[in-house]
Amino acid sequence: MLTIKRKLLDYHCPSLGRQVTHYALIAQLPKKKLLLSHPNLFLYDTTRSSEKTSSRYSSVISMFYKFLSTEEKFKDLDPSQYHAVVDNLDLKRWQLARQIARVAKQSLKPTSETIFEDAKIVLVFCHWLNLKGYRTNVKVEIKTHTANFKRNSLLAYVQAKARTSIKAKNIQALDKEARQRQRRTLITASEIKTYLQAFTDPVYPVLFKLALGTAMRPMDLCTVPYLGNGANAHIMPYSEMDQEPTLFNFTVYGSKGNKTRTIKIHRDDLRVLDEQYIQPYYDERRKKYKKRFGEDCPLDILFLNAQGLPVTPEKISSRGNAAKDKAVAKDKAFRASLNFYESRHWWPTMFLISYFKEDLLTSSADVLWAACGEALVQQMGHEDVSTTFAHYIDMGRVVMMANKGKMTELITQAHNSVHSFIDTVTTGNLILD
């Protein structure tokens, strides 16, 4: 099988006049290393605004190229020629091969959904090739690539190739079990408390609380400034802000997909940020930054770790996972599937509870209201608002059903800041599960 290495590139792009970051694929041949030009041009063109997207796309294309190298059709071809020879049937064979390998191992992963989503990334790559005028034999029509693994004949073929016994779990059973292992409920009050206590650097609990109250992604959190400018000129330490409004606008630039949106931050969450991070830690960390880099910390950087380094999405992920491991070791009831990103689910659930109130449990909440949809789009940054709405309506109903008899109190708290809500639920007055 072909060996392909992924390398993260970070360089100044003369044509754009700025720094860019994206992954590149390098094929390891017997006597040389070969840059895979077409995939790398695609990764530069489509993923340079998001390192995570670049990582995912490069990983999928790498897997696909490795599979192609095992096929007879590609045996005598240079990997740089794969894109010109590959066709729709090769893509279907790859999906089938992954499903066969999964059944043979009786593994829950990759699910049929993941296999299909990965194939769509390859289709995006092929579509890009077509648009740029490069030769490819792949006709981009996503619906034709949905392998129907529920069809009896295909199930029988997969199991035969995987050499499984008659009693072996089929694809449908594996997918069902995988879904059962996914988290379907909101992070609980006790889990929030345990998680917040598991961080060693106080900047991360504050970031998690702010994420709970705003649904901001880690990449968005890292853009919150000490002193804002432009549309965010009013953003500064809470003690210096106009404290009259209940909600403040914060414009997020260059979020996922390089989008701009304006979200709402509750004044109490800004107050907690000021009291629990800015006042006790920020000045000391600014001094460490200056000592390390020889210049004052820019005013558009607020979150610094204990070493005076700017907090990045990667640091949030790393410290979040470390805190999760510590929380699991401390509390056996803490779910190992939880991570920092659970904060993204909190705000939309609380928003829909406060928006619909008791009507959330009726059919009237099944219809997406325009004002509600617009708020979800702005705060979450999702394009497919109908899917987002349906998911969090279900989650909100679970929370409300768990709090029968405390409905009024739950709805009242859902209107307040996340900090006051956490204070309430951690006393045992409400249940979040």
Protein backbone atom coordinates (compact mmCIF):
# COMPACT_ATOMS: atom_id res chain seq x y z
CA MET A 1 0.00 0.00 0.00
CA LEU A 2 1.15 3.51 -0.81
CA THR A 3 2.63 5.48 2.09
CA ILE A 4 1.43 9.08 2.33
CA LYS A 5 2.58 11.57 4.93
CA ARG A 6 0.64 14.69 5.88
CA LYS A 7 2.59 17.85 6.64
CA LEU A 8 1.14 21.04 8.11
CA LEU A 9 2.42 24.07 6.19
CA ASP A 10 2.42 27.59 7.65
CA TYR A 11 3.86 30.24 5.35
CA HIS A 12 3.43 33.73 3.91
CA CYS A 13 1.50 33.59 0.66
CA PRO A 14 2.70 36.35 -1.74
CA SER A 15 -0.48 36.24 -3.87
CA LEU A 16 -2.71 36.78 -0.82
CA GLY A 17 -0.30 38.95 1.12
CA ARG A 18 -0.86 37.07 4.36
CA GLN A 19 0.02 33.98 6.36
CA VAL A 20 -1.78 30.77 5.39
CA THR A 21 -1.96 27.34 7.03
CA HIS A 22 -3.00 24.07 5.43
CA TYR A 23 -1.92 20.45 5.13
CA ALA A 24 0.03 18.98 2.22
CA LEU A 25 0.25 15.36 1.10
CA ILE A 26 3.60 13.73 0.34
CA ALA A 27 3.75 10.26 -1.25
CA GLN A 28 6.67 8.08 -0.21
CA LEU A 29 7.90 6.19 -3.31
CA PRO A 30 10.77 3.64 -3.39
CA LYS A 31 13.42 6.16 -4.45
CA LYS A 32 11.81 9.56 -3.95
CA LYS A 33 9.24 11.64 -2.16
CA LEU A 34 6.49 13.09 -4.30
CA LEU A 35 4.33 16.11 -3.55
CA LEU A 36 0.80 15.30 -4.69
CA SER A 37 0.26 18.54 -6.56
CA HIS A 38 -3.45 18.36 -7.39
CA PRO A 39 -4.63 17.39 -3.89
CA ASN A 40 -2.27 19.98 -2.41
CA LEU A 41 -3.58 22.74 -4.69
CA PHE A 42 -7.10 21.73 -3.65
CA LEU A 43 -6.18 21.84 0.06
CA TYR A 44 -4.60 25.28 -0.38
CA ASP A 45 -7.56 26.63 -2.33
CA THR A 46 -10.37 25.28 -0.13
CA THR A 47 -9.07 24.65 3.38
CA ARG A 48 -6.50 27.34 4.17
CA SER A 49 -9.01 29.22 6.37
CA SER A 50 -9.46 26.28 8.78
CA GLU A 51 -6.71 23.98 10.02
CA LYS A 52 -9.27 21.43 11.24
CA THR A 53 -11.01 21.31 7.87
CA SER A 54 -7.64 20.95 6.16
CA SER A 55 -6.73 18.12 8.52
CA ARG A 56 -9.97 16.27 7.80
CA TYR A 57 -9.90 16.75 4.04
CA SER A 58 -6.24 15.77 3.75
CA SER A 59 -6.82 12.68 5.90
CA VAL A 60 -9.75 11.51 3.74
CA ILE A 61 -7.93 12.10 0.44
CA SER A 62 -4.89 10.29 1.85
CA MET A 63 -7.04 7.27 2.77
CA PHE A 64 -8.61 7.26 -0.68
CA TYR A 65 -5.25 7.41 -2.48
CA LYS A 66 -3.90 4.59 -0.31
CA PHE A 67 -6.90 2.47 -1.31
CA LEU A 68 -6.40 3.26 -5.00
CA SER A 69 -2.78 2.11 -4.77
CA THR A 70 -4.00 -1.40 -3.87
CA GLU A 71 -6.23 -1.66 -6.94
CA GLU A 72 -4.98 -3.41 -10.08
CA LYS A 73 -6.04 -0.48 -12.23
CA PHE A 74 -3.58 1.85 -10.47
CA LYS A 75 -0.70 -0.62 -9.97
CA ASP A 76 1.58 0.86 -12.63
CA LEU A 77 0.53 4.47 -12.24
CA ASP A 78 2.35 7.27 -10.48
CA PRO A 79 0.20 8.67 -7.60
CA SER A 80 0.33 12.06 -9.30
CA GLN A 81 -1.83 10.54 -12.08
CA TYR A 82 -4.54 9.03 -9.86
CA HIS A 83 -6.86 12.03 -10.12
CA ALA A 84 -6.98 11.74 -13.92
CA VAL A 85 -7.82 8.02 -13.98
CA VAL A 86 -10.17 7.57 -11.02
CA ASP A 87 -13.87 7.19 -11.79
CA ASN A 88 -17.18 6.80 -9.95
CA LEU A 89 -16.83 3.03 -9.68
CA ASP A 90 -13.50 3.39 -7.85
CA LEU A 91 -15.19 5.63 -5.29
CA LYS A 92 -17.96 3.08 -4.77
CA ARG A 93 -15.38 0.29 -4.37
CA TRP A 94 -13.64 2.33 -1.67
CA GLN A 95 -16.88 2.74 0.29
CA LEU A 96 -17.55 -0.98 -0.02
CA ALA A 97 -14.00 -1.93 1.02
CA ARG A 98 -14.28 0.17 4.19
CA GLN A 99 -17.59 -1.42 5.07
CA ILE A 100 -16.17 -4.92 4.52
CA ALA A 101 -13.18 -4.16 6.76
CA ARG A 102 -15.48 -2.80 9.43
CA VAL A 103 -17.76 -5.84 9.44
CA ALA A 104 -14.76 -8.17 9.50
CA LYS A 105 -13.56 -6.46 12.69
CA GLN A 106 -17.10 -6.19 14.09
CA SER A 107 -16.29 -2.55 14.72
CA LEU A 108 -18.70 0.32 15.32
CA LYS A 109 -16.52 2.65 13.30
CA PRO A 110 -16.51 4.01 10.70
CA THR A 111 -20.31 4.13 10.56
CA SER A 112 -22.13 3.98 7.23
CA GLU A 113 -22.79 7.71 7.62
CA THR A 114 -19.08 8.47 8.09
CA ILE A 115 -18.17 6.37 5.05
CA PHE A 116 -20.67 8.31 2.96
CA GLU A 117 -19.55 11.71 4.31
CA ASP A 118 -15.92 10.85 3.54
CA ALA A 119 -16.92 9.90 -0.01
CA LYS A 120 -18.58 13.31 -0.35
CA ILE A 121 -15.26 14.98 0.50
CA VAL A 122 -13.63 13.07 -2.36
CA LEU A 123 -16.48 14.26 -4.60
CA VAL A 124 -15.81 17.84 -3.50
CA PHE A 125 -12.18 17.32 -4.53
CA CYS A 126 -13.23 15.91 -7.92
CA HIS A 127 -15.71 18.74 -8.43
CA TRP A 128 -12.93 21.23 -7.74
CA LEU A 129 -10.73 19.48 -10.31
CA ASN A 130 -13.49 19.78 -12.91
CA LEU A 131 -14.00 23.46 -12.16
CA LYS A 132 -10.26 24.18 -12.44
CA GLY A 133 -10.03 22.43 -15.80
CA TYR A 134 -8.09 19.34 -14.66
CA ARG A 135 -9.05 16.02 -16.19
CA THR A 136 -11.08 13.59 -14.09
CA ASN A 137 -13.49 10.77 -14.92
CA VAL A 138 -15.64 11.29 -11.84
CA LYS A 139 -19.13 12.62 -12.47
CA VAL A 140 -20.14 14.56 -9.39
CA GLU A 141 -23.64 13.52 -8.46
CA ILE A 142 -23.73 12.78 -4.74
CA LYS A 143 -26.98 10.85 -4.69
CA THR A 144 -25.50 8.18 -6.97
CA HIS A 145 -22.86 7.44 -4.35
CA THR A 146 -25.14 6.58 -1.46
CA ALA A 147 -24.33 2.91 -1.07
CA ASN A 148 -27.52 1.21 0.16
CA PHE A 149 -25.98 -1.07 2.76
CA LYS A 150 -29.45 -2.07 3.94
CA ARG A 151 -30.10 -3.95 0.70
CA ASN A 152 -30.04 -7.69 1.38
CA SER A 153 -27.85 -8.55 -1.60
CA LEU A 154 -25.24 -5.98 -0.63
CA LEU A 155 -25.34 -7.04 3.03
CA ALA A 156 -24.78 -10.64 1.96
CA TYR A 157 -21.86 -9.63 -0.25
CA VAL A 158 -20.19 -7.56 2.49
CA GLN A 159 -20.52 -10.34 5.07
CA ALA A 160 -19.22 -12.93 2.62
CA LYS A 161 -16.16 -10.83 1.81
CA ALA A 162 -15.61 -10.10 5.50
CA ARG A 163 -15.86 -13.85 6.19
CA THR A 164 -18.22 -13.38 9.09
CA SER A 165 -20.36 -16.16 10.49
CA ILE A 166 -24.13 -16.31 10.09
CA LYS A 167 -24.52 -14.90 13.59
CA ALA A 168 -22.26 -11.93 12.90
CA LYS A 169 -23.72 -8.48 13.39
CA ASN A 170 -24.65 -6.90 10.11
CA ILE A 171 -24.13 -3.31 9.11
CA GLN A 172 -27.52 -2.18 10.36
CA ALA A 173 -26.87 -3.63 13.81
CA LEU A 174 -23.43 -2.03 13.99
CA ASP A 175 -24.85 1.36 13.00
CA LYS A 176 -27.60 1.03 15.59
CA GLU A 177 -25.10 0.17 18.33
CA ALA A 178 -22.87 3.08 17.32
CA ARG A 179 -25.82 5.47 17.61
CA GLN A 180 -26.67 4.09 21.04
CA ARG A 181 -23.18 5.00 22.23
CA GLN A 182 -23.53 8.59 21.14
CA ARG A 183 -24.47 11.20 23.72
CA ARG A 184 -28.14 12.14 23.38
CA THR A 185 -28.54 14.37 26.42
CA LEU A 186 -27.14 17.65 27.62
CA ILE A 187 -24.09 17.67 29.88
CA THR A 188 -25.45 17.40 33.42
CA ALA A 189 -25.07 19.92 36.23
CA SER A 190 -22.78 17.64 38.22
CA GLU A 191 -20.66 16.98 35.13
CA ILE A 192 -20.26 20.71 34.54
CA LYS A 193 -19.12 21.20 38.11
CA THR A 194 -16.68 18.28 37.94
CA TYR A 195 -15.33 19.41 34.58
CA LEU A 196 -14.75 23.01 35.68
CA GLN A 197 -12.84 21.80 38.75
CA ALA A 198 -10.63 19.51 36.64
CA PHE A 199 -8.76 22.33 34.87
CA THR A 200 -5.44 23.40 36.37
CA ASP A 201 -5.26 26.77 34.58
CA PRO A 202 -8.21 29.06 35.52
CA VAL A 203 -8.40 30.55 32.02
CA TYR A 204 -10.03 27.37 30.67
CA PRO A 205 -12.99 27.15 33.11
CA VAL A 206 -13.77 30.78 32.26
CA LEU A 207 -13.59 29.98 28.56
CA PHE A 208 -15.91 27.01 29.07
CA LYS A 209 -18.45 29.16 30.93
CA LEU A 210 -18.34 31.78 28.19
CA ALA A 211 -18.81 29.04 25.59
CA LEU A 212 -21.81 27.70 27.50
CA GLY A 213 -23.42 31.12 27.45
CA THR A 214 -22.71 32.00 23.82
CA ALA A 215 -22.31 28.74 21.82
CA MET A 216 -19.05 30.13 20.45
CA ARG A 217 -16.63 27.66 18.94
CA PRO A 218 -13.09 27.54 20.41
CA MET A 219 -11.80 29.40 17.34
CA ASP A 220 -14.34 32.17 18.05
CA LEU A 221 -13.58 32.34 21.78
CA CYS A 222 -9.92 33.02 21.01
CA THR A 223 -10.89 36.18 19.09
CA VAL A 224 -12.59 37.87 22.08
CA PRO A 225 -10.42 40.98 22.72
CA TYR A 226 -9.33 42.78 25.85
CA LEU A 227 -10.27 46.01 24.09
CA GLY A 228 -12.27 45.76 20.87
CA ASN A 229 -12.37 48.04 17.85
CA GLY A 230 -14.68 48.70 14.93
CA ALA A 231 -17.99 46.94 15.44
CA ASN A 232 -16.61 45.59 18.74
CA ALA A 233 -15.36 48.94 20.07
CA HIS A 234 -17.71 48.62 23.07
CA ILE A 235 -16.08 45.34 24.18
CA MET A 236 -13.75 45.89 27.15
CA PRO A 237 -13.50 44.69 30.78
CA TYR A 238 -17.03 44.62 32.18
CA SER A 239 -16.20 47.08 34.98
CA GLU A 240 -15.46 49.70 32.28
CA MET A 241 -18.48 48.99 30.06
CA ASP A 242 -21.95 50.47 30.00
CA GLN A 243 -23.66 47.98 32.32
CA GLU A 244 -27.21 48.98 31.44
CA PRO A 245 -27.98 46.56 28.55
CA THR A 246 -28.77 42.94 29.38
CA LEU A 247 -27.21 41.68 26.16
CA PHE A 248 -24.19 42.92 24.21
CA ASN A 249 -23.44 42.30 20.54
CA PHE A 250 -20.12 40.73 19.62
CA THR A 251 -19.19 40.44 15.95
CA VAL A 252 -17.19 37.32 15.11
CA TYR A 253 -14.96 37.62 12.04
CA GLY A 254 -13.47 34.72 10.10
CA SER A 255 -15.36 31.97 11.91
CA LYS A 256 -15.82 28.50 10.43
CA GLY A 257 -16.16 28.85 6.68
CA ASN A 258 -14.63 32.34 6.95
CA LYS A 259 -18.04 33.77 7.91
CA THR A 260 -18.93 36.87 9.90
CA ARG A 261 -21.83 36.90 12.33
CA THR A 262 -23.04 38.91 15.33
CA ILE A 263 -23.82 36.99 18.51
CA LYS A 264 -25.29 37.98 21.88
CA ILE A 265 -23.37 37.88 25.19
CA HIS A 266 -25.23 38.26 28.49
CA ARG A 267 -23.84 41.00 30.73
CA ASP A 268 -23.54 38.59 33.67
CA ASP A 269 -21.29 36.32 31.63
CA LEU A 270 -19.08 39.32 30.87
CA ARG A 271 -19.10 40.17 34.57
CA VAL A 272 -17.97 36.65 35.49
CA LEU A 273 -15.24 36.89 32.83
CA ASP A 274 -14.04 40.12 34.42
CA GLU A 275 -14.20 38.88 38.01
CA GLN A 276 -12.80 35.39 37.51
CA TYR A 277 -10.12 36.02 34.89
CA ILE A 278 -9.37 39.62 33.91
CA GLN A 279 -9.05 41.14 37.38
CA PRO A 280 -7.10 38.33 39.10
CA TYR A 281 -4.92 37.05 36.23
CA TYR A 282 -4.77 39.22 33.12
CA ASP A 283 -2.16 41.83 34.15
CA GLU A 284 0.26 39.18 35.42
CA ARG A 285 -0.07 37.21 32.21
CA ARG A 286 0.44 40.32 30.08
CA LYS A 287 3.77 40.83 31.85
CA LYS A 288 4.79 37.26 31.05
CA TYR A 289 3.80 37.84 27.42
CA LYS A 290 5.99 40.97 27.25
CA LYS A 291 8.92 39.19 28.89
CA ARG A 292 8.63 36.31 26.45
CA PHE A 293 8.10 38.29 23.22
CA GLY A 294 9.72 41.63 24.05
CA GLU A 295 6.59 43.66 23.32
CA ASP A 296 3.25 44.48 24.89
CA CYS A 297 0.47 41.98 24.41
CA PRO A 298 -1.85 43.26 21.64
CA LEU A 299 -5.16 44.56 22.97
CA ASP A 300 -7.06 42.23 20.67
CA ILE A 301 -5.73 39.24 22.65
CA LEU A 302 -7.53 38.57 25.93
CA PHE A 303 -6.99 34.94 26.84
CA LEU A 304 -3.46 34.02 27.91
CA ASN A 305 -2.39 30.82 29.64
CA ALA A 306 -0.25 30.60 32.78
CA GLN A 307 2.94 30.92 30.68
CA GLY A 308 1.75 34.14 29.04
CA LEU A 309 1.04 32.46 25.69
CA PRO A 310 -2.14 33.23 23.74
CA VAL A 311 -4.77 30.52 24.10
CA THR A 312 -5.46 28.78 20.78
CA PRO A 313 -8.17 26.34 19.69
CA GLU A 314 -5.55 23.60 19.84
CA LYS A 315 -4.69 24.49 23.44
CA ILE A 316 -8.40 24.48 24.34
CA SER A 317 -8.78 21.03 22.82
CA SER A 318 -5.68 19.66 24.54
CA ARG A 319 -6.47 21.13 27.98
CA GLY A 320 -10.12 20.19 27.58
CA ASN A 321 -9.24 16.54 26.95
CA ALA A 322 -6.80 16.51 29.87
CA ALA A 323 -9.53 17.90 32.14
CA LYS A 324 -11.95 15.27 30.82
CA ASP A 325 -9.49 12.47 31.71
CA LYS A 326 -9.03 13.95 35.16
CA ALA A 327 -12.79 14.26 35.62
CA VAL A 328 -13.36 10.63 34.58
CA ALA A 329 -10.73 9.47 37.07
CA LYS A 330 -12.31 11.54 39.84
CA ASP A 331 -15.97 10.73 39.14
CA LYS A 332 -16.96 7.38 37.60
CA ALA A 333 -20.33 8.89 36.63
CA PHE A 334 -18.61 11.45 34.39
CA ARG A 335 -19.09 10.33 30.78
CA ALA A 336 -15.85 9.72 28.88
CA SER A 337 -17.56 10.92 25.68
CA LEU A 338 -17.81 14.50 26.99
CA ASN A 339 -15.40 17.22 25.93
CA PHE A 340 -15.06 21.02 25.75
CA TYR A 341 -17.33 21.14 22.69
CA GLU A 342 -20.32 20.09 24.82
CA SER A 343 -20.65 23.81 25.52
CA ARG A 344 -21.98 24.29 21.99
CA HIS A 345 -25.14 22.36 22.90
CA TRP A 346 -26.00 24.38 26.00
CA TRP A 347 -26.99 27.76 24.56
CA PRO A 348 -29.41 26.57 21.83
CA THR A 349 -31.14 24.22 24.30
CA MET A 350 -31.63 26.99 26.86
CA PHE A 351 -32.63 29.47 24.14
CA LEU A 352 -35.39 27.21 22.82
CA ILE A 353 -36.69 26.52 26.35
CA SER A 354 -36.93 30.24 27.05
CA TYR A 355 -38.33 31.00 23.58
CA PHE A 356 -41.16 28.44 23.51
CA LYS A 357 -41.69 27.96 27.27
CA GLU A 358 -44.42 25.35 27.91
CA ASP A 359 -45.20 25.21 24.18
CA LEU A 360 -41.91 23.38 23.67
CA LEU A 361 -43.72 20.17 24.64
CA THR A 362 -46.50 20.71 22.10
CA SER A 363 -46.64 20.34 18.34
CA SER A 364 -46.52 24.13 17.91
CA ALA A 365 -42.78 23.99 18.57
CA ASP A 366 -42.28 21.62 15.64
CA VAL A 367 -42.64 24.55 13.23
CA LEU A 368 -39.52 26.67 12.80
CA TRP A 369 -40.41 30.30 13.47
CA ALA A 370 -38.52 32.89 11.41
CA ALA A 371 -37.31 34.96 14.39
CA CYS A 372 -36.18 31.86 16.23
CA GLY A 373 -34.37 30.55 13.16
CA GLU A 374 -32.57 33.83 12.60
CA ALA A 375 -31.33 33.85 16.21
CA LEU A 376 -30.02 30.28 15.85
CA VAL A 377 -28.26 31.11 12.59
CA GLN A 378 -26.52 34.14 14.10
CA GLN A 379 -25.52 32.54 17.39
CA MET A 380 -24.59 29.07 16.12
CA GLY A 381 -23.27 29.93 12.67
CA HIS A 382 -25.10 26.97 11.09
CA GLU A 383 -26.42 27.13 7.54
CA ASP A 384 -28.84 24.21 7.87
CA VAL A 385 -31.01 25.83 10.54
CA SER A 386 -33.83 23.29 10.18
CA THR A 387 -31.57 20.41 11.25
CA THR A 388 -30.16 22.49 14.11
CA PHE A 389 -33.66 23.46 15.22
CA ALA A 390 -35.01 19.89 15.19
CA HIS A 391 -32.02 18.56 17.14
CA TYR A 392 -32.19 21.13 19.94
CA ILE A 393 -35.97 21.06 20.16
CA ASP A 394 -35.61 17.36 21.03
CA MET A 395 -32.85 18.09 23.55
CA GLY A 396 -34.87 20.89 25.14
CA ARG A 397 -37.85 18.59 25.52
CA VAL A 398 -35.69 16.03 27.32
CA VAL A 399 -34.55 18.71 29.78
CA MET A 400 -38.10 19.96 30.36
CA MET A 401 -39.49 16.44 30.87
CA ALA A 402 -36.77 15.83 33.44
CA ASN A 403 -37.94 18.91 35.35
CA LYS A 404 -41.66 18.24 35.62
CA GLY A 405 -43.10 20.26 38.49
CA LYS A 406 -40.25 22.78 38.19
CA MET A 407 -41.21 24.13 34.77
CA THR A 408 -41.61 27.76 35.81
CA GLU A 409 -38.28 27.81 37.59
CA LEU A 410 -36.56 26.15 34.63
CA ILE A 411 -37.96 28.65 32.12
CA THR A 412 -37.05 31.58 34.37
CA GLN A 413 -33.48 30.36 34.70
CA ALA A 414 -33.20 29.78 30.97
CA HIS A 415 -33.66 33.56 30.51
CA ASN A 416 -30.72 34.34 32.79
CA SER A 417 -26.98 34.12 32.27
CA VAL A 418 -25.31 30.74 32.15
CA HIS A 419 -23.43 31.50 35.37
CA SER A 420 -26.62 32.04 37.37
CA PHE A 421 -28.12 28.95 35.75
CA ILE A 422 -25.14 26.81 36.76
CA ASP A 423 -25.36 28.16 40.30
CA THR A 424 -29.01 27.06 40.42
CA VAL A 425 -28.65 23.59 38.91
CA THR A 426 -25.59 22.69 40.96
CA THR A 427 -27.58 23.21 44.16
CA GLY A 428 -29.90 20.41 43.09
CA ASN A 429 -32.96 22.58 42.47
CA LEU A 430 -33.07 21.64 38.80
CA ILE A 431 -32.01 18.66 36.75
CA LEU A 432 -30.14 18.83 33.47
CA ASP A 433 -29.89 15.44 31.82
